[in-house]
Protein backbone atom coordinates (compact mmCIF):
# COMPACT_ATOMS: atom_id res chain seq x y z
CA MET A 1 62.99 132.27 204.74
CA LEU A 2 66.54 131.01 205.21
CA THR A 3 69.61 133.23 205.28
CA PRO A 4 72.23 131.62 203.02
CA TYR A 5 75.94 131.45 203.73
CA PHE A 6 77.76 134.11 201.68
CA THR A 7 81.15 135.74 201.14
CA CYS A 8 82.03 139.15 199.73
CA THR A 9 85.19 140.36 198.00
CA GLN A 10 86.02 143.36 195.83
CA ASP A 11 88.37 144.85 193.31
CA GLU A 12 88.67 148.45 192.17
CA GLU A 13 85.46 148.35 190.12
CA PHE A 14 83.24 145.52 191.42
CA VAL A 15 81.89 143.78 194.52
CA PHE A 16 81.72 139.98 194.21
CA ILE A 17 79.07 138.18 196.27
CA ASN A 18 79.11 134.37 196.41
CA ILE A 19 75.86 132.92 197.77
CA LYS A 20 75.59 129.26 198.82
CA VAL A 21 72.21 127.76 197.88
CA SER A 22 72.51 124.17 199.10
CA HIS A 23 70.19 121.28 198.32
CA ILE A 24 67.61 123.04 196.16
CA ARG A 25 66.57 122.63 192.56
CA PHE A 26 68.00 125.76 190.91
CA ASP A 27 65.37 127.80 189.09
CA ALA A 28 66.81 130.76 187.15
CA PRO A 29 63.44 132.56 186.69
CA GLY A 30 62.94 132.38 190.46
CA VAL A 31 66.09 134.41 191.20
CA GLN A 32 65.59 138.06 192.13
CA ILE A 33 68.53 140.44 192.57
CA ILE A 34 68.16 144.12 193.47
CA ALA A 35 70.93 146.68 193.97
CA GLU A 36 69.87 150.14 195.12
CA ASN A 37 72.51 152.49 196.51
CA GLU A 38 73.99 150.73 199.58
CA LEU A 39 71.32 148.01 199.61
CA PHE A 40 71.70 144.60 197.94
CA ILE A 41 68.86 142.03 197.97
CA PHE A 42 68.92 138.44 196.72
CA SER A 43 65.93 136.06 196.76
CA LEU A 44 65.51 132.44 195.63
CA SER A 45 63.01 130.43 197.66
CA PRO A 46 63.61 129.39 200.40
CA TYR A 47 66.68 131.68 200.60
CA TYR A 48 66.65 135.43 201.20
CA LEU A 49 69.67 137.71 201.64
CA ARG A 50 69.74 141.45 202.29
CA LEU A 51 73.11 143.19 202.61
CA ARG A 52 73.81 146.80 203.48
CA PHE A 53 77.19 148.17 202.38
CA ASP A 54 78.82 151.42 203.46
CA LYS A 55 79.23 152.59 199.83
CA PRO A 56 76.72 152.62 196.96
CA LEU A 57 76.36 150.04 194.19
CA ILE A 58 74.79 150.61 190.79
CA ASP A 59 72.47 148.18 189.02
CA ASP A 60 74.07 148.35 185.59
CA GLU A 61 72.70 145.57 183.35
CA GLU A 62 75.68 145.75 181.02
CA ARG A 63 78.31 145.32 183.74
CA SER A 64 76.53 143.33 186.47
CA ASN A 65 75.93 139.60 186.13
CA ALA A 66 75.16 136.43 188.07
CA HIS A 67 75.74 132.78 187.27
CA TYR A 68 75.18 129.46 189.02
CA GLU A 69 78.01 127.00 189.68
CA SER A 70 76.16 123.70 190.03
CA LYS A 71 79.09 121.68 191.40
CA GLU A 72 79.69 124.22 194.18
CA GLU A 73 75.96 125.01 194.64
CA VAL A 74 76.91 128.69 194.60
CA ILE A 75 75.42 131.70 192.82
CA LYS A 76 78.20 134.14 191.95
CA VAL A 77 77.05 137.74 191.67
CA LYS A 78 79.15 140.59 190.27
CA MET A 79 77.88 144.10 191.04
CA PRO A 80 79.61 147.34 189.91
CA LYS A 81 80.46 150.11 192.37
CA LEU A 82 78.84 153.48 191.75
CA ASN A 83 82.18 155.19 192.24
CA LYS A 84 85.09 153.27 190.81
CA GLY A 85 88.04 153.04 193.19
CA GLU A 86 86.03 153.31 196.43
CA VAL A 87 87.01 150.77 199.09
CA PHE A 88 84.04 149.01 200.72
CA GLN A 89 84.65 148.41 204.42
CA ASP A 90 83.92 145.32 206.54
CA LEU A 91 83.25 142.85 203.71
CA ASP A 92 84.63 140.14 205.98
CA LEU A 93 82.07 140.88 208.73
CA PRO A 94 78.85 139.13 207.62
CA GLN A 95 76.79 140.11 210.67
CA LYS A 96 77.49 143.78 210.03
CA LEU A 97 76.46 143.47 206.38
CA LEU A 98 73.22 141.77 207.44
CA ALA A 99 72.22 144.63 209.76
CA ARG A 100 68.78 146.12 209.24
CA ALA A 101 68.30 149.81 208.57
CA VAL A 102 67.05 150.39 212.10
CA ASP A 103 70.18 148.72 213.52
CA ALA A 104 72.44 151.01 211.52
CA ASP A 105 70.39 154.07 212.48
CA LEU A 106 70.55 153.13 216.16
CA LYS A 107 74.32 153.06 216.08
CA LYS A 108 74.36 156.54 214.56
CA ASP A 109 71.84 157.81 217.09
CA GLU A 110 73.89 156.50 220.02
CA THR A 111 76.52 159.15 219.34
CA LYS A 112 74.00 161.99 219.27
CA GLU A 113 72.70 163.78 222.37
CA VAL A 114 68.94 163.70 222.52
CA LYS A 115 67.54 167.23 223.04
CA ARG A 116 63.99 167.78 224.20
CA PRO A 117 62.00 171.02 224.09
CA LEU A 118 61.76 173.05 227.31
CA ILE A 119 57.99 172.94 227.03
CA GLU A 120 56.43 169.74 225.65
CA GLU A 121 52.83 169.71 224.44
CA ILE A 122 50.83 166.75 225.74
CA GLY A 123 47.88 165.36 223.82
CA GLY A 124 48.54 167.53 220.81
CA LYS A 125 48.20 164.69 218.31
CA SER A 126 45.32 162.35 217.68
CA ASP A 127 45.65 158.60 218.20
CA LEU A 128 45.32 158.14 214.44
CA GLU A 129 48.27 160.46 213.76
CA LYS A 130 50.37 158.67 216.37
CA THR A 131 49.53 155.28 214.87
CA ALA A 132 50.49 156.53 211.41
CA GLU A 133 53.81 157.86 212.71
CA GLU A 134 54.53 154.61 214.54
CA GLY A 135 53.75 152.64 211.37
CA ASN A 136 56.12 154.77 209.31
CA ALA A 137 58.82 154.46 211.96
CA PHE A 138 58.44 150.69 212.36
CA ASN A 139 61.16 148.65 210.68
CA TRP A 140 59.52 146.16 208.31
CA GLU A 141 62.75 144.51 207.17
CA ILE A 142 63.17 140.78 207.82
CA ASN A 143 65.56 139.97 210.63
CA GLN A 144 68.31 137.73 209.23
CA THR A 145 70.30 135.19 211.21
CA LEU A 146 73.18 133.16 209.87
CA GLU A 147 73.02 129.52 210.94
CA GLN A 148 75.86 128.74 213.29
CA PRO A 149 77.94 125.69 212.36
CA SER A 150 77.21 122.79 214.70
CA THR A 151 80.01 121.30 216.73
CA ASP A 152 78.09 118.00 216.94
CA LEU A 153 78.38 115.22 214.41
CA LYS A 154 75.69 115.56 211.76
CA ILE A 155 72.79 113.12 211.97
CA LYS A 156 72.60 111.21 208.71
CA TYR A 157 69.69 109.70 206.81
CA GLY A 158 68.73 108.38 203.38
CA PHE A 159 70.64 105.88 201.28
CA ASP A 160 73.06 103.99 203.55
CA ASN A 161 72.84 106.98 205.97
CA ARG A 162 74.92 109.22 203.69
CA TYR A 163 72.96 112.46 203.63
CA ASP A 164 72.16 115.44 205.85
CA SER A 165 70.98 119.07 205.60
CA ILE A 166 68.67 118.33 202.64
CA VAL A 167 65.21 117.50 203.99
CA GLY A 168 65.31 120.42 206.45
CA VAL A 169 65.76 122.92 203.61
CA SER A 170 62.76 121.44 201.76
CA LEU A 171 60.40 122.24 204.66
CA SER A 172 60.43 125.92 203.70
CA ASN A 173 59.13 124.92 200.27
CA GLY A 174 56.15 123.04 201.69
CA ASN A 175 57.38 119.46 202.09
CA ASP A 176 54.27 117.86 203.61
CA ILE A 177 55.52 114.29 203.19
CA ASN A 178 57.96 114.88 206.04
CA GLU A 179 56.58 113.96 209.47
CA LEU A 180 59.54 114.79 211.68
CA ASP A 181 59.41 118.05 213.62
CA ASP A 182 63.17 118.46 213.22
CA PRO A 183 64.45 116.07 210.53
CA GLU A 184 68.04 117.29 210.71
CA HIS A 185 68.48 116.62 214.43
CA THR A 186 66.24 113.64 215.22
CA LYS A 187 68.12 110.49 216.17
CA ALA A 188 67.17 107.00 214.99
CA ASP A 189 65.22 105.91 218.11
CA ASP A 190 63.45 109.26 218.26
CA ARG A 191 62.39 108.88 214.62
CA ILE A 192 60.69 105.61 215.54
CA LYS A 193 58.94 107.21 218.54
CA GLU A 194 57.73 110.17 216.51
CA ARG A 195 56.58 107.94 213.65
CA LEU A 196 54.57 105.67 215.96
CA LEU A 197 53.04 108.65 217.74
CA LYS A 198 51.91 110.26 214.49
CA GLU A 199 50.56 107.00 213.07
CA ASN A 200 48.45 106.64 216.22
CA PHE A 201 47.27 110.24 215.94
CA LYS A 202 46.42 109.94 212.23
CA PHE A 203 44.51 106.67 212.48
CA ASP A 204 40.73 107.21 212.47
CA PRO A 205 38.81 104.14 213.74
CA GLU A 206 35.52 105.41 212.29
CA TYR A 207 37.09 105.92 208.85
CA TYR A 208 38.53 102.41 208.95
CA ALA A 209 35.23 100.91 210.14
CA ALA A 210 33.32 102.68 207.35
CA ASP A 211 35.63 101.34 204.63
CA TYR A 212 35.46 97.86 206.14
CA MET A 213 31.66 97.80 206.39
CA THR A 214 30.93 99.30 202.97
CA SER A 215 33.27 96.85 201.26
CA LYS A 216 31.73 93.89 203.10
CA TYR A 217 28.04 94.75 202.80
CA SER A 218 27.86 96.83 199.60
CA GLU A 219 26.23 93.97 197.64
CA ASP A 220 23.59 93.29 200.31
CA ASP A 221 22.73 96.90 201.11
CA PRO A 222 21.69 99.30 198.29
CA ASP A 223 22.56 102.29 200.50
CA MET A 224 26.20 101.23 200.56
CA TYR A 225 28.65 101.60 197.70
CA SER A 226 32.31 100.67 197.70
CA GLU A 227 34.87 100.44 194.92
CA ILE A 228 37.20 98.54 197.22
CA LYS A 229 35.95 95.19 195.86
CA ASP A 230 37.04 96.24 192.38
CA LEU A 231 40.44 97.27 193.73
CA LEU A 232 40.84 93.92 195.49
CA CYS A 233 40.28 92.07 192.20
CA TRP A 234 42.68 94.23 190.17
CA GLU A 235 45.91 92.65 188.89
CA ASN A 236 49.07 94.67 188.23
CA PRO A 237 50.05 94.22 184.54
CA ILE A 238 53.71 94.80 185.44
CA MET A 239 53.82 91.14 186.55
CA GLU A 240 53.05 89.93 183.03
CA ASN A 241 55.70 91.96 181.22
CA PRO A 242 58.94 92.43 183.17
CA ASP A 243 60.91 93.57 180.10
CA PHE A 244 62.22 97.14 180.16
CA THR A 245 60.66 99.64 177.78
CA THR A 246 62.73 102.02 175.66
CA GLU A 247 61.85 104.83 178.07
CA GLU A 248 62.97 102.79 181.09
CA ASN A 249 66.26 101.95 179.40
CA GLU A 250 66.82 105.67 178.75
CA ARG A 251 66.14 106.47 182.41
CA MET A 252 68.72 103.92 183.51
CA LEU A 253 71.28 105.35 181.07
CA GLN A 254 70.71 108.81 182.59
CA LEU A 255 71.74 107.62 186.06
CA PRO A 256 75.14 108.94 187.18
CA LYS A 257 78.13 106.61 187.11
CA LYS A 258 78.83 105.73 190.74
CA THR A 259 80.43 102.99 192.77
CA TYR A 260 79.13 102.22 196.24
CA LEU A 261 80.82 100.86 199.35
CA ILE A 262 77.80 99.87 201.41
CA THR A 263 77.97 99.77 205.21
CA ASN A 264 74.50 98.29 205.86
CA GLN A 265 73.22 96.27 202.91
CA LYS A 266 70.31 94.71 204.84
CA SER A 267 68.85 98.15 205.46
CA LEU A 268 68.78 98.80 201.70
CA TYR A 269 66.85 95.59 201.04
CA TYR A 270 64.37 96.46 203.79
CA SER A 271 63.91 99.91 202.23
CA ILE A 272 63.18 98.18 198.91
CA LEU A 273 60.46 96.09 200.61
CA SER A 274 58.78 99.21 202.02
CA LEU A 275 59.02 101.04 198.70
CA LEU A 276 57.56 98.09 196.76
CA PHE A 277 54.66 97.97 199.23
CA SER A 278 53.98 101.70 198.85
CA TYR A 279 54.14 101.42 195.07
CA SER A 280 51.86 98.35 195.06
CA TYR A 281 49.26 100.00 197.30
CA ASP A 282 49.13 103.24 195.33
CA VAL A 283 49.13 101.62 191.89
CA ARG A 284 46.34 99.27 193.02
CA GLU A 285 44.35 102.16 194.48
CA ASN A 286 44.65 103.98 191.13
CA GLN A 287 44.25 100.76 189.10
CA GLY A 288 47.52 101.07 187.26
CA ASP A 289 47.98 104.80 186.76
CA LEU A 290 50.15 106.85 189.08
CA ASN A 291 48.75 110.37 189.39
CA ILE A 292 49.70 113.82 190.65
CA GLU A 293 49.17 112.68 194.26
CA SER A 294 51.21 109.49 193.94
CA ALA A 295 54.50 110.95 195.19
CA TRP A 296 52.75 112.19 198.34
CA ALA A 297 50.86 108.92 198.84
CA MET A 298 53.87 106.65 198.32
CA GLY A 299 56.06 108.93 200.41
CA LYS A 300 53.59 108.85 203.30
CA LEU A 301 53.35 105.05 203.15
CA THR A 302 57.14 104.63 203.24
CA PRO A 303 58.63 105.15 206.73
CA GLN A 304 62.14 105.49 205.26
CA ILE A 305 60.85 108.59 203.42
CA SER A 306 58.22 110.25 205.62
CA SER A 307 60.06 109.65 208.90
CA LEU A 308 63.58 108.93 207.56
CA ASP A 309 63.22 105.75 209.63
CA THR A 310 65.46 102.96 208.35
CA GLN A 311 65.68 101.26 211.75
CA ILE A 312 61.91 100.52 212.09
CA VAL A 313 62.22 98.82 215.52
CA PHE A 314 64.04 99.66 218.73
CA ASN A 315 67.27 97.78 219.37
CA ASP A 316 65.73 95.77 222.21
CA SER A 317 62.66 94.71 220.18
CA LYS A 318 62.02 90.98 219.78
CA THR A 319 59.80 91.43 216.71
CA PRO A 320 61.47 90.16 213.50
CA LEU A 321 62.29 93.12 211.30
CA ILE A 322 60.35 91.86 208.26
CA LYS A 323 57.25 91.40 210.40
CA ALA A 324 57.75 94.92 211.77
CA LEU A 325 57.97 96.21 208.17
CA ILE A 326 54.70 94.47 207.31
CA ILE A 327 52.90 95.89 210.35
CA THR A 328 54.32 99.37 209.74
CA GLY A 329 53.17 99.30 206.12
CA ILE A 330 49.67 98.20 207.12
CA ARG A 331 49.40 100.79 209.92
CA ARG A 332 50.30 103.54 207.48
CA ALA A 333 47.97 102.17 204.79
CA LEU A 334 45.13 102.34 207.33
CA SER A 335 45.98 105.93 208.28
CA TYR A 336 46.83 107.98 205.17
CA PRO A 337 45.38 106.93 201.77
CA LEU A 338 41.87 107.52 200.44
CA HIS A 339 40.97 103.83 200.84
CA ARG A 340 41.98 102.43 204.25
CA HIS A 341 41.35 98.73 204.06
CA TYR A 342 43.19 95.79 205.58
CA GLY A 343 42.44 93.60 202.57
CA LEU A 344 44.00 96.16 200.21
CA ALA A 345 47.10 96.34 202.37
CA MET A 346 47.44 92.55 202.35
CA LYS A 347 46.95 92.48 198.57
CA ALA A 348 49.74 95.04 198.23
CA TRP A 349 52.07 92.87 200.33
CA GLU A 350 51.13 89.83 198.24
CA ASP A 351 52.10 91.82 195.14
CA VAL A 352 55.48 92.50 196.76
CA VAL A 353 55.97 88.76 197.25
CA LYS A 354 55.24 88.15 193.54
CA MET A 355 57.64 90.88 192.43
CA LEU A 356 60.42 89.49 194.60
CA GLN A 357 59.82 86.01 193.21
CA LEU A 358 60.08 87.33 189.65
CA GLY A 359 63.52 88.72 190.47
CA LYS A 360 65.78 91.74 190.23
CA LYS A 361 64.61 92.89 186.80
CA LEU A 362 61.01 93.36 187.89
CA VAL A 363 62.05 95.01 191.17
CA ILE A 364 64.11 97.56 189.22
CA LYS A 365 61.20 98.15 186.84
CA ALA A 366 58.86 98.88 189.76
CA LEU A 367 61.38 101.19 191.45
CA LEU A 368 61.92 103.10 188.19
CA THR A 369 58.15 103.66 187.98
CA LEU A 370 57.91 104.70 191.62
CA ARG A 371 60.82 107.13 191.23
CA GLU A 372 59.30 109.23 188.43
CA PRO A 373 56.72 111.23 190.45
CA PHE A 374 59.49 112.21 192.90
CA ARG A 375 62.09 113.00 190.25
CA PHE A 376 60.00 115.72 188.61
CA HIS A 377 58.33 117.21 191.68
CA ASP A 378 59.44 120.70 192.73
CA VAL A 379 59.54 119.77 196.43
CA TYR A 380 59.53 115.99 196.79
CA TYR A 381 62.56 115.58 194.49
CA VAL A 382 64.68 115.67 197.66
CA TYR A 383 63.67 112.06 198.32
CA ASP A 384 65.01 111.07 194.93
CA LYS A 385 68.21 112.85 195.88
CA ILE A 386 68.66 111.20 199.28
CA LEU A 387 67.35 107.71 198.52
CA LEU A 388 65.70 106.67 195.26
CA GLU A 389 68.36 107.55 192.68
CA ASP A 390 71.12 105.87 194.66
CA LEU A 391 68.99 102.84 195.49
CA VAL A 392 68.09 102.16 191.84
CA ASN A 393 71.64 102.88 190.71
CA TRP A 394 73.15 100.56 193.32
CA LEU A 395 70.70 97.75 192.54
CA ILE A 396 71.37 97.95 188.79
CA ASN A 397 75.14 97.85 189.21
CA ASP A 398 75.41 95.50 192.19
CA PRO A 399 77.33 92.42 190.96
CA LYS A 400 75.95 90.15 193.69
CA ASP A 401 73.22 87.57 193.06
CA ASN A 402 70.26 89.77 194.04
CA ASP A 403 67.76 87.24 192.67
CA TYR A 404 68.80 84.79 195.39
CA VAL A 405 68.35 87.50 198.04
CA PHE A 406 64.94 88.52 196.67
CA LYS A 407 63.69 84.92 196.57
CA SER A 408 64.84 84.43 200.16
CA LEU A 409 63.07 87.64 201.20
CA SER A 410 59.90 86.58 199.38
CA LYS A 411 59.75 83.30 201.34
CA GLU A 412 60.24 85.02 204.68
CA LEU A 413 57.74 87.73 203.77
CA GLU A 414 55.18 85.15 202.66
CA THR A 415 55.57 83.19 205.92
CA HIS A 416 54.98 86.28 208.09
CA LEU A 417 51.96 87.31 205.98
CA LYS A 418 50.32 83.89 206.41
CA ASN A 419 50.78 84.00 210.18
CA LEU A 420 49.76 87.63 210.69
CA GLN A 421 46.62 88.22 212.76
CA LYS A 422 44.42 91.31 212.70
CA ASN A 423 44.74 91.71 216.46
CA GLU A 424 48.47 92.38 215.91
CA ILE A 425 47.64 95.65 214.12
CA VAL A 426 47.27 97.83 217.19
CA PHE A 427 46.84 101.59 217.53
CA GLU A 428 47.19 103.58 220.72
CA GLN A 429 44.36 106.06 221.18
CA LEU A 430 45.32 109.23 223.06
CA ASP A 431 43.24 111.31 225.45
CA ASP A 432 42.90 115.11 225.35
CA GLU A 433 46.16 115.53 227.25
CA GLY A 434 48.13 113.37 224.81
CA ASP A 435 48.45 110.35 227.11
CA VAL A 436 47.63 106.79 226.02
CA ASP A 437 43.96 106.18 226.75
CA THR A 438 43.17 102.83 225.09
CA PHE A 439 44.72 100.24 222.81
CA LEU A 440 42.63 99.39 219.75
CA ASP A 441 43.33 96.56 217.34
CA ILE A 442 41.54 96.41 214.00
CA GLN A 443 39.84 93.10 214.87
CA GLU A 444 38.06 94.86 217.76
CA ILE A 445 37.05 97.74 215.49
CA GLU A 446 35.56 95.37 212.90
CA THR A 447 33.67 93.38 215.57
CA LEU A 448 32.18 96.54 217.11
CA ALA A 449 31.26 97.95 213.70
CA GLU A 450 29.46 94.75 212.67
CA ALA A 451 27.57 94.57 215.96
CA MET A 452 26.35 98.16 215.56
CA TYR A 453 25.38 97.57 211.92
CA LEU A 454 23.36 94.44 212.70
CA GLU A 455 21.70 96.13 215.68
CA ASN A 456 20.66 99.13 213.57
CA LYS A 457 19.43 96.85 210.79
CA GLN A 458 17.16 94.96 213.18
CA THR A 459 15.65 98.18 214.50
């Protein structure tokens, strides 16, 4: 649980508590407020606040109230004093208000002289009685710590590197798309390192080999079944009808009115490429219908979401960025989804080429579809907040000739796809101590798998 930032003030009759609940989707039924004598408790996942005043409050439903100020991201609570006119002390000392009961009792006990009996009985109580007493005496209250403001510049992420302090909060709510150990303090190069490390760790050569072999030999071997061949033949109907539906037009009208001064436009186009790949892979895997797992699947496939990695390659890398995007997409497609197949990944990239060739309108249509599972998810909505909403909004309102840019990207993407070799998709396999043990490319895995299959078939 996180301890929120708060302030307290008072007048003759009430105590006013303003609680900052940043970067969460406000849920009124999820708010719990308790006032009992000197104790005040507030809870709204992932935030928890317990305050202990020196004078009593009263939980009077007619006079107490709380309301949420969405622009300030603050819940304003008004609690009546039990005794009108009493002055509550130390409201400007948050650490003192956060003190646990045991902390307050210790301060009182420090002023008292401890007196012991002249004769003390030893062994007079059973172990069970002692345990019960210790349990009753133990302080079960959560220890609260206010986050100290950092003196360092905040590390940014998301759309045009404009956001911070959002993804970190979502971890307490179970954000399992995120793959960074510390998303709020991981620098760009370290995001790449951590992403590569976790892709290597997640990749399962046996899983990949099984999908490859079953898809290749399912027709020849009755013991093998694979739906991958059906997925490879599937065509996305979005290509045939790029016109916006009434529902899509309504979604675009609901977008906030914003103007953008972009500092790194190329990065936005590269993010669009990764997102279109993730969408194409998931929609092909589900043959047209996004499902309840689609936000997770597309988020995992997109490095700009799962690892907040918009840089993709180190500054000294000689690999062209679009080629690096292709390889990154394939590596992730062979590590996370249900079907982990090189052919499916290539088909998804070919779909991206087609969408880019068809222009801005179709790209927006695909991004609107991709955005929906994130927009309505209780946890993953943070990625709509830091990236997707702004990206769609910017693309719709950008006056530049995006069609020219997309056609140029499609040609470059197509060229790299034609020249890509399987031995360029390499995973580092780690030993028990976490050090690099071997380098495996997927061409080697396929060759070994086929050799073993043919050997077993002959025997």
